[in-house]
Amino acid sequence: VLRAQLDANSPEKPVRAVLPLGIIPAGSTDVVSCSV
């Protein structure tokens, strides 16, 4: 998301990330993976 804001030079208006994020769970709780 930060890269999207920097590329768009948009510090105020939110800009969506241009790429999706795939999550492979390999942690102790993996809350985000369980949610998705």
Full PDB file with SEQRES, HELIX, SHEET, SSBOND, CRYST1, ORIGX, SCALE, CONECT and MASTER records, all heavy atoms in Angstrom:
SEQRES   1 A   36  VAL LEU ARG ALA GLN LEU ASP ALA ASN SER PRO GLU LYS          
SEQRES   2 A   36  PRO VAL ARG ALA VAL LEU PRO LEU GLY ILE ILE PRO ALA          
SEQRES   3 A   36  GLY SER THR ASP VAL VAL SER CYS SER VAL                      
HELIX    1 AA1 LEU A    2  ALA A    8  1                                   7    
HELIX    2 AA2 VAL A   31  SER A   35  1                                   5    
CRYST1    1.000    1.000    1.000  90.00  90.00  90.00 P 1           1          
ORIGX1      1.000000  0.000000  0.000000        0.00000                         
ORIGX2      0.000000  1.000000  0.000000        0.00000                         
ORIGX3      0.000000  0.000000  1.000000        0.00000                         
SCALE1      1.000000  0.000000  0.000000        0.00000                         
SCALE2      0.000000  1.000000  0.000000        0.00000                         
SCALE3      0.000000  0.000000  1.000000        0.00000                         
ATOM      1  N   VAL A   1       0.834  -1.204   0.000  1.00  0.00           N  
ATOM      2  CA  VAL A   1       0.000   0.000   0.000  1.00  0.00           C  
ATOM      3  C   VAL A   1       0.870   1.257   0.000  1.00  0.00           C  
ATOM      4  O   VAL A   1       0.566   2.232  -0.692  1.00  0.00           O  
ATOM      5  CB  VAL A   1      -0.958  -0.004   1.200  1.00  0.00           C  
ATOM      6  CG1 VAL A   1      -1.829   1.245   1.202  1.00  0.00           C  
ATOM      7  CG2 VAL A   1      -1.840  -1.247   1.179  1.00  0.00           C  
ATOM      8  N   LEU A   2       1.965   1.236   0.760  1.00  0.00           N  
ATOM      9  CA  LEU A   2       2.868   2.388   0.774  1.00  0.00           C  
ATOM     10  C   LEU A   2       3.463   2.619  -0.607  1.00  0.00           C  
ATOM     11  O   LEU A   2       3.560   3.766  -1.069  1.00  0.00           O  
ATOM     12  CB  LEU A   2       3.972   2.164   1.802  1.00  0.00           C  
ATOM     13  CG  LEU A   2       5.005   3.294   1.930  1.00  0.00           C  
ATOM     14  CD1 LEU A   2       4.331   4.588   2.381  1.00  0.00           C  
ATOM     15  CD2 LEU A   2       6.117   2.903   2.906  1.00  0.00           C  
ATOM     16  N   ARG A   3       3.847   1.535  -1.285  1.00  0.00           N  
ATOM     17  CA  ARG A   3       4.400   1.667  -2.640  1.00  0.00           C  
ATOM     18  C   ARG A   3       3.368   2.284  -3.586  1.00  0.00           C  
ATOM     19  O   ARG A   3       3.699   3.134  -4.426  1.00  0.00           O  
ATOM     20  CB  ARG A   3       4.846   0.292  -3.133  1.00  0.00           C  
ATOM     21  CG  ARG A   3       5.290   0.243  -4.593  1.00  0.00           C  
ATOM     22  CD  ARG A   3       6.563   1.067  -4.838  1.00  0.00           C  
ATOM     23  NE  ARG A   3       6.876   1.102  -6.253  1.00  0.00           N  
ATOM     24  CZ  ARG A   3       7.677   0.206  -6.864  1.00  0.00           C  
ATOM     25  NH1 ARG A   3       8.225  -0.779  -6.163  1.00  0.00           N  
ATOM     26  NH2 ARG A   3       7.922   0.300  -8.156  1.00  0.00           N  
ATOM     27  N   ALA A   4       2.111   1.892  -3.441  1.00  0.00           N  
ATOM     28  CA  ALA A   4       1.052   2.458  -4.280  1.00  0.00           C  
ATOM     29  C   ALA A   4       0.897   3.955  -4.034  1.00  0.00           C  
ATOM     30  O   ALA A   4       0.726   4.746  -4.977  1.00  0.00           O  
ATOM     31  CB  ALA A   4      -0.269   1.734  -4.012  1.00  0.00           C  
ATOM     32  N   GLN A   5       0.962   4.360  -2.766  1.00  0.00           N  
ATOM     33  CA  GLN A   5       0.846   5.779  -2.448  1.00  0.00           C  
ATOM     34  C   GLN A   5       2.028   6.572  -3.008  1.00  0.00           C  
ATOM     35  O   GLN A   5       1.860   7.671  -3.531  1.00  0.00           O  
ATOM     36  CB  GLN A   5       0.795   5.961  -0.930  1.00  0.00           C  
ATOM     37  CG  GLN A   5      -0.318   5.227  -0.215  1.00  0.00           C  
ATOM     38  CD  GLN A   5      -1.700   5.737  -0.597  1.00  0.00           C  
ATOM     39  OE1 GLN A   5      -2.561   4.982  -1.013  1.00  0.00           O  
ATOM     40  NE2 GLN A   5      -1.909   7.012  -0.456  1.00  0.00           N  
ATOM     41  N   LEU A   6       3.228   5.998  -2.891  1.00  0.00           N  
ATOM     42  CA  LEU A   6       4.418   6.681  -3.391  1.00  0.00           C  
ATOM     43  C   LEU A   6       4.386   6.804  -4.911  1.00  0.00           C  
ATOM     44  O   LEU A   6       4.718   7.855  -5.470  1.00  0.00           O  
ATOM     45  CB  LEU A   6       5.678   5.930  -2.946  1.00  0.00           C  
ATOM     46  CG  LEU A   6       5.972   5.910  -1.440  1.00  0.00           C  
ATOM     47  CD1 LEU A   6       7.166   5.008  -1.141  1.00  0.00           C  
ATOM     48  CD2 LEU A   6       6.216   7.319  -0.918  1.00  0.00           C  
ATOM     49  N   ASP A   7       3.996   5.711  -5.598  1.00  0.00           N  
ATOM     50  CA  ASP A   7       3.944   5.735  -7.060  1.00  0.00           C  
ATOM     51  C   ASP A   7       2.908   6.731  -7.564  1.00  0.00           C  
ATOM     52  O   ASP A   7       3.092   7.369  -8.612  1.00  0.00           O  
ATOM     53  CB  ASP A   7       3.632   4.338  -7.603  1.00  0.00           C  
ATOM     54  CG  ASP A   7       4.800   3.376  -7.446  1.00  0.00           C  
ATOM     55  OD1 ASP A   7       5.923   3.850  -7.149  1.00  0.00           O  
ATOM     56  OD2 ASP A   7       4.603   2.155  -7.611  1.00  0.00           O  
ATOM     57  N   ALA A   8       1.798   6.850  -6.842  1.00  0.00           N  
ATOM     58  CA  ALA A   8       0.722   7.753  -7.256  1.00  0.00           C  
ATOM     59  C   ALA A   8       0.930   9.169  -6.737  1.00  0.00           C  
ATOM     60  O   ALA A   8       0.157  10.071  -7.082  1.00  0.00           O  
ATOM     61  CB  ALA A   8      -0.620   7.216  -6.761  1.00  0.00           C  
ATOM     62  N   ASN A   9       1.971   9.352  -5.898  1.00  0.00           N  
ATOM     63  CA  ASN A   9       2.228  10.659  -5.280  1.00  0.00           C  
ATOM     64  C   ASN A   9       0.950  11.184  -4.639  1.00  0.00           C  
ATOM     65  O   ASN A   9       0.532  12.323  -4.861  1.00  0.00           O  
ATOM     66  CB  ASN A   9       2.760  11.658  -6.303  1.00  0.00           C  
ATOM     67  CG  ASN A   9       3.320  12.914  -5.644  1.00  0.00           C  
ATOM     68  OD1 ASN A   9       3.689  12.891  -4.468  1.00  0.00           O  
ATOM     69  ND2 ASN A   9       3.364  14.006  -6.385  1.00  0.00           N  
ATOM     70  N   SER A  10       0.316  10.311  -3.850  1.00  0.00           N  
ATOM     71  CA  SER A  10      -0.983  10.628  -3.261  1.00  0.00           C  
ATOM     72  C   SER A  10      -0.943  10.414  -1.755  1.00  0.00           C  
ATOM     73  O   SER A  10      -1.460   9.418  -1.250  1.00  0.00           O  
ATOM     74  CB  SER A  10      -2.068   9.750  -3.891  1.00  0.00           C  
ATOM     75  OG  SER A  10      -3.314   9.963  -3.283  1.00  0.00           O  
ATOM     76  N   PRO A  11      -0.328  11.344  -1.004  1.00  0.00           N  
ATOM     77  CA  PRO A  11      -0.229  11.162   0.443  1.00  0.00           C  
ATOM     78  C   PRO A  11      -1.557  11.294   1.173  1.00  0.00           C  
ATOM     79  O   PRO A  11      -1.720  10.766   2.269  1.00  0.00           O  
ATOM     80  CB  PRO A  11       0.737  12.279   0.865  1.00  0.00           C  
ATOM     81  CG  PRO A  11       0.589  13.321  -0.192  1.00  0.00           C  
ATOM     82  CD  PRO A  11       0.321  12.586  -1.463  1.00  0.00           C  
ATOM     83  N   GLU A  12      -2.535  11.989   0.573  1.00  0.00           N  
ATOM     84  CA  GLU A  12      -3.814  12.215   1.233  1.00  0.00           C  
ATOM     85  C   GLU A  12      -4.894  11.236   0.778  1.00  0.00           C  
ATOM     86  O   GLU A  12      -5.578  10.622   1.591  1.00  0.00           O  
ATOM     87  CB  GLU A  12      -4.285  13.658   0.983  1.00  0.00           C  
ATOM     88  CG  GLU A  12      -3.300  14.715   1.468  1.00  0.00           C  
ATOM     89  CD  GLU A  12      -3.122  14.684   2.975  1.00  0.00           C  
ATOM     90  OE1 GLU A  12      -4.051  14.249   3.674  1.00  0.00           O  
ATOM     91  OE2 GLU A  12      -2.050  15.097   3.452  1.00  0.00           O  
ATOM     92  N   LYS A  13      -5.073  11.090  -0.543  1.00  0.00           N  
ATOM     93  CA  LYS A  13      -6.128  10.233  -1.073  1.00  0.00           C  
ATOM     94  C   LYS A  13      -5.659   8.781  -1.119  1.00  0.00           C  
ATOM     95  O   LYS A  13      -4.628   8.475  -1.718  1.00  0.00           O  
ATOM     96  CB  LYS A  13      -6.521  10.687  -2.479  1.00  0.00           C  
ATOM     97  CG  LYS A  13      -7.673   9.890  -3.073  1.00  0.00           C  
ATOM     98  CD  LYS A  13      -8.009  10.387  -4.466  1.00  0.00           C  
ATOM     99  CE  LYS A  13      -9.141   9.554  -5.070  1.00  0.00           C  
ATOM    100  NZ  LYS A  13      -9.479  10.009  -6.443  1.00  0.00           N  
ATOM    101  N   PRO A  14      -6.401   7.856  -0.516  1.00  0.00           N  
ATOM    102  CA  PRO A  14      -5.991   6.435  -0.525  1.00  0.00           C  
ATOM    103  C   PRO A  14      -5.964   5.862  -1.938  1.00  0.00           C  
ATOM    104  O   PRO A  14      -6.835   6.139  -2.755  1.00  0.00           O  
ATOM    105  CB  PRO A  14      -7.088   5.752   0.309  1.00  0.00           C  
ATOM    106  CG  PRO A  14      -7.692   6.840   1.125  1.00  0.00           C  
ATOM    107  CD  PRO A  14      -7.610   8.080   0.289  1.00  0.00           C  
ATOM    108  N   VAL A  15      -4.928   5.084  -2.215  1.00  0.00           N  
ATOM    109  CA  VAL A  15      -4.781   4.413  -3.511  1.00  0.00           C  
ATOM    110  C   VAL A  15      -4.604   2.929  -3.265  1.00  0.00           C  
ATOM    111  O   VAL A  15      -3.819   2.531  -2.409  1.00  0.00           O  
ATOM    112  CB  VAL A  15      -3.558   4.961  -4.286  1.00  0.00           C  
ATOM    113  CG1 VAL A  15      -3.383   4.214  -5.595  1.00  0.00           C  
ATOM    114  CG2 VAL A  15      -3.716   6.451  -4.543  1.00  0.00           C  
ATOM    115  N   ARG A  16      -5.325   2.125  -4.009  1.00  0.00           N  
ATOM    116  CA  ARG A  16      -5.239   0.682  -3.813  1.00  0.00           C  
ATOM    117  C   ARG A  16      -3.947   0.106  -4.372  1.00  0.00           C  
ATOM    118  O   ARG A  16      -3.424   0.585  -5.385  1.00  0.00           O  
ATOM    119  CB  ARG A  16      -6.425  -0.006  -4.512  1.00  0.00           C  
ATOM    120  CG  ARG A  16      -6.619  -1.444  -4.075  1.00  0.00           C  
ATOM    121  CD  ARG A  16      -7.564  -2.192  -5.005  1.00  0.00           C  
ATOM    122  NE  ARG A  16      -6.960  -2.404  -6.315  1.00  0.00           N  
ATOM    123  CZ  ARG A  16      -7.507  -3.148  -7.258  1.00  0.00           C  
ATOM    124  NH1 ARG A  16      -8.678  -3.698  -7.054  1.00  0.00           N  
ATOM    125  NH2 ARG A  16      -6.909  -3.315  -8.414  1.00  0.00           N  
ATOM    126  N   ALA A  17      -3.426  -0.909  -3.711  1.00  0.00           N  
ATOM    127  CA  ALA A  17      -2.229  -1.590  -4.206  1.00  0.00           C  
ATOM    128  C   ALA A  17      -2.506  -2.204  -5.577  1.00  0.00           C  
ATOM    129  O   ALA A  17      -3.606  -2.701  -5.832  1.00  0.00           O  
ATOM    130  CB  ALA A  17      -1.809  -2.685  -3.229  1.00  0.00           C  
ATOM    131  N   VAL A  18      -1.522  -2.158  -6.470  1.00  0.00           N  
ATOM    132  CA  VAL A  18      -1.735  -2.629  -7.839  1.00  0.00           C  
ATOM    133  C   VAL A  18      -1.620  -4.140  -7.950  1.00  0.00           C  
ATOM    134  O   VAL A  18      -1.982  -4.717  -8.975  1.00  0.00           O  
ATOM    135  CB  VAL A  18      -0.742  -1.955  -8.817  1.00  0.00           C  
ATOM    136  CG1 VAL A  18      -0.967  -0.455  -8.845  1.00  0.00           C  
ATOM    137  CG2 VAL A  18       0.694  -2.278  -8.430  1.00  0.00           C  
ATOM    138  N   LEU A  19      -1.079  -4.806  -6.919  1.00  0.00           N  
ATOM    139  CA  LEU A  19      -0.931  -6.253  -6.952  1.00  0.00           C  
ATOM    140  C   LEU A  19      -1.649  -6.896  -5.769  1.00  0.00           C  
ATOM    141  O   LEU A  19      -1.650  -6.334  -4.672  1.00  0.00           O  
ATOM    142  CB  LEU A  19       0.552  -6.651  -6.913  1.00  0.00           C  
ATOM    143  CG  LEU A  19       1.415  -6.252  -8.104  1.00  0.00           C  
ATOM    144  CD1 LEU A  19       2.864  -6.665  -7.854  1.00  0.00           C  
ATOM    145  CD2 LEU A  19       0.904  -6.892  -9.382  1.00  0.00           C  
ATOM    146  N   PRO A  20      -2.240  -8.073  -5.963  1.00  0.00           N  
ATOM    147  CA  PRO A  20      -2.845  -8.792  -4.835  1.00  0.00           C  
ATOM    148  C   PRO A  20      -1.778  -9.470  -3.990  1.00  0.00           C  
ATOM    149  O   PRO A  20      -0.680  -9.766  -4.471  1.00  0.00           O  
ATOM    150  CB  PRO A  20      -3.743  -9.827  -5.524  1.00  0.00           C  
ATOM    151  CG  PRO A  20      -3.075 -10.084  -6.835  1.00  0.00           C  
ATOM    152  CD  PRO A  20      -2.439  -8.774  -7.250  1.00  0.00           C  
ATOM    153  N   LEU A  21      -2.110  -9.711  -2.737  1.00  0.00           N  
ATOM    154  CA  LEU A  21      -1.188 -10.356  -1.809  1.00  0.00           C  
ATOM    155  C   LEU A  21      -1.688 -11.760  -1.489  1.00  0.00           C  
ATOM    156  O   LEU A  21      -2.780 -11.930  -0.944  1.00  0.00           O  
ATOM    157  CB  LEU A  21      -1.081  -9.537  -0.525  1.00  0.00           C  
ATOM    158  CG  LEU A  21      -0.247 -10.135   0.621  1.00  0.00           C  
ATOM    159  CD1 LEU A  21       1.188 -10.344   0.172  1.00  0.00           C  
ATOM    160  CD2 LEU A  21      -0.312  -9.231   1.851  1.00  0.00           C  
ATOM    161  N   GLY A  22      -0.883 -12.758  -1.839  1.00  0.00           N  
ATOM    162  CA  GLY A  22      -1.204 -14.143  -1.505  1.00  0.00           C  
ATOM    163  C   GLY A  22      -0.547 -14.520  -0.192  1.00  0.00           C  
ATOM    164  O   GLY A  22       0.611 -14.167   0.052  1.00  0.00           O  
ATOM    165  N   ILE A  23      -1.287 -15.227   0.672  1.00  0.00           N  
ATOM    166  CA  ILE A  23      -0.797 -15.534   2.017  1.00  0.00           C  
ATOM    167  C   ILE A  23      -0.660 -17.035   2.211  1.00  0.00           C  
ATOM    168  O   ILE A  23      -1.645 -17.768   2.155  1.00  0.00           O  
ATOM    169  CB  ILE A  23      -1.753 -14.962   3.084  1.00  0.00           C  
ATOM    170  CG1 ILE A  23      -1.922 -13.453   2.893  1.00  0.00           C  
ATOM    171  CG2 ILE A  23      -1.237 -15.265   4.484  1.00  0.00           C  
ATOM    172  CD1 ILE A  23      -3.044 -12.865   3.715  1.00  0.00           C  
ATOM    173  N   ILE A  24       0.575 -17.495   2.424  1.00  0.00           N  
ATOM    174  CA  ILE A  24       0.841 -18.895   2.757  1.00  0.00           C  
ATOM    175  C   ILE A  24       1.138 -18.958   4.248  1.00  0.00           C  
ATOM    176  O   ILE A  24       2.169 -18.451   4.701  1.00  0.00           O  
ATOM    177  CB  ILE A  24       2.042 -19.460   1.961  1.00  0.00           C  
ATOM    178  CG1 ILE A  24       1.821 -19.294   0.454  1.00  0.00           C  
ATOM    179  CG2 ILE A  24       2.277 -20.923   2.329  1.00  0.00           C  
ATOM    180  CD1 ILE A  24       0.668 -20.097  -0.095  1.00  0.00           C  
ATOM    181  N   PRO A  25       0.268 -19.557   5.066  1.00  0.00           N  
ATOM    182  CA  PRO A  25       0.463 -19.539   6.520  1.00  0.00           C  
ATOM    183  C   PRO A  25       1.674 -20.352   6.966  1.00  0.00           C  
ATOM    184  O   PRO A  25       1.831 -21.506   6.599  1.00  0.00           O  
ATOM    185  CB  PRO A  25      -0.837 -20.141   7.056  1.00  0.00           C  
ATOM    186  CG  PRO A  25      -1.347 -20.996   5.938  1.00  0.00           C  
ATOM    187  CD  PRO A  25      -0.948 -20.290   4.675  1.00  0.00           C  
ATOM    188  N   ALA A  26       2.521 -19.715   7.784  1.00  0.00           N  
ATOM    189  CA  ALA A  26       3.693 -20.407   8.327  1.00  0.00           C  
ATOM    190  C   ALA A  26       4.094 -19.790   9.657  1.00  0.00           C  
ATOM    191  O   ALA A  26       5.266 -19.798  10.028  1.00  0.00           O  
ATOM    192  CB  ALA A  26       4.858 -20.339   7.341  1.00  0.00           C  
ATOM    193  N   GLY A  27       3.096 -19.254  10.391  1.00  0.00           N  
ATOM    194  CA  GLY A  27       3.380 -18.598  11.658  1.00  0.00           C  
ATOM    195  C   GLY A  27       2.817 -19.357  12.836  1.00  0.00           C  
ATOM    196  O   GLY A  27       2.432 -20.526  12.721  1.00  0.00           O  
ATOM    197  N   SER A  28       2.745 -18.680  13.978  1.00  0.00           N  
ATOM    198  CA  SER A  28       2.263 -19.333  15.200  1.00  0.00           C  
ATOM    199  C   SER A  28       0.748 -19.259  15.351  1.00  0.00           C  
ATOM    200  O   SER A  28       0.136 -20.133  15.950  1.00  0.00           O  
ATOM    201  CB  SER A  28       2.934 -18.705  16.427  1.00  0.00           C  
ATOM    202  OG  SER A  28       2.713 -17.306  16.452  1.00  0.00           O  
ATOM    203  N   THR A  29       0.122 -18.199  14.805  1.00  0.00           N  
ATOM    204  CA  THR A  29      -1.333 -18.069  14.903  1.00  0.00           C  
ATOM    205  C   THR A  29      -2.002 -17.972  13.542  1.00  0.00           C  
ATOM    206  O   THR A  29      -3.084 -18.511  13.340  1.00  0.00           O  
ATOM    207  CB  THR A  29      -1.709 -16.828  15.739  1.00  0.00           C  
ATOM    208  OG1 THR A  29      -1.079 -15.665  15.163  1.00  0.00           O  
ATOM    209  CG2 THR A  29      -1.243 -16.992  17.177  1.00  0.00           C  
ATOM    210  N   ASP A  30      -1.404 -17.252  12.603  1.00  0.00           N  
ATOM    211  CA  ASP A  30      -1.933 -17.130  11.233  1.00  0.00           C  
ATOM    212  C   ASP A  30      -3.374 -16.645  11.231  1.00  0.00           C  
ATOM    213  O   ASP A  30      -4.245 -17.203  10.556  1.00  0.00           O  
ATOM    214  CB  ASP A  30      -1.811 -18.460  10.487  1.00  0.00           C  
ATOM    215  CG  ASP A  30      -0.386 -18.932  10.360  1.00  0.00           C  
ATOM    216  OD1 ASP A  30       0.468 -18.129   9.952  1.00  0.00           O  
ATOM    217  OD2 ASP A  30      -0.106 -20.104  10.682  1.00  0.00           O  
ATOM    218  N   VAL A  31      -3.629 -15.570  11.965  1.00  0.00           N  
ATOM    219  CA  VAL A  31      -4.981 -15.027  12.059  1.00  0.00           C  
ATOM    220  C   VAL A  31      -5.473 -14.536  10.696  1.00  0.00           C  
ATOM    221  O   VAL A  31      -6.624 -14.772  10.312  1.00  0.00           O  
ATOM    222  CB  VAL A  31      -5.025 -13.882  13.086  1.00  0.00           C  
ATOM    223  CG1 VAL A  31      -6.383 -13.189  13.062  1.00  0.00           C  
ATOM    224  CG2 VAL A  31      -4.732 -14.409  14.481  1.00  0.00           C  
ATOM    225  N   VAL A  32      -4.608 -13.855   9.960  1.00  0.00           N  
ATOM    226  CA  VAL A  32      -5.026 -13.311   8.667  1.00  0.00           C  
ATOM    227  C   VAL A  32      -5.371 -14.428   7.701  1.00  0.00           C  
ATOM    228  O   VAL A  32      -6.385 -14.371   6.992  1.00  0.00           O  
ATOM    229  CB  VAL A  32      -3.929 -12.405   8.080  1.00  0.00           C  
ATOM    230  CG1 VAL A  32      -4.371 -11.857   6.729  1.00  0.00           C  
ATOM    231  CG2 VAL A  32      -3.607 -11.257   9.022  1.00  0.00           C  
ATOM    232  N   SER A  33      -4.555 -15.468   7.654  1.00  0.00           N  
ATOM    233  CA  SER A  33      -4.829 -16.594   6.768  1.00  0.00           C  
ATOM    234  C   SER A  33      -6.151 -17.271   7.116  1.00  0.00           C  
ATOM    235  O   SER A  33      -6.934 -17.616   6.235  1.00  0.00           O  
ATOM    236  CB  SER A  33      -3.690 -17.615   6.835  1.00  0.00           C  
ATOM    237  OG  SER A  33      -3.956 -18.723   6.002  1.00  0.00           O  
ATOM    238  N   CYS A  34      -6.402 -17.444   8.413  1.00  0.00           N  
ATOM    239  CA  CYS A  34      -7.665 -18.054   8.837  1.00  0.00           C  
ATOM    240  C   CYS A  34      -8.847 -17.188   8.425  1.00  0.00           C  
ATOM    241  O   CYS A  34      -9.900 -17.698   8.039  1.00  0.00           O  
ATOM    242  CB  CYS A  34      -7.672 -18.261  10.349  1.00  0.00           C  
ATOM    243  SG  CYS A  34      -6.586 -19.565  10.929  1.00  0.00           S  
ATOM    244  N   SER A  35      -8.681 -15.878   8.502  1.00  0.00           N  
ATOM    245  CA  SER A  35      -9.763 -14.969   8.121  1.00  0.00           C  
ATOM    246  C   SER A  35     -10.033 -15.017   6.623  1.00  0.00           C  
ATOM    247  O   SER A  35     -11.178 -14.956   6.182  1.00  0.00           O  
ATOM    248  CB  SER A  35      -9.411 -13.531   8.533  1.00  0.00           C  
ATOM    249  OG  SER A  35      -9.241 -13.427   9.928  1.00  0.00           O  
ATOM    250  N   VAL A  36      -8.974 -15.123   5.829  1.00  0.00           N  
ATOM    251  CA  VAL A  36      -9.119 -15.094   4.367  1.00  0.00           C  
ATOM    252  C   VAL A  36      -9.497 -16.457   3.802  1.00  0.00           C  
ATOM    253  O   VAL A  36     -10.402 -16.575   2.967  1.00  0.00           O  
ATOM    254  CB  VAL A  36      -7.814 -14.594   3.705  1.00  0.00           C  
ATOM    255  CG1 VAL A  36      -7.913 -14.675   2.187  1.00  0.00           C  
ATOM    256  CG2 VAL A  36      -7.516 -13.163   4.140  1.00  0.00           C  
TER     257      VAL A  36                                                      
MASTER        0    0    0    2    0    0    0    6  256    1    0    3          
END                                                                             
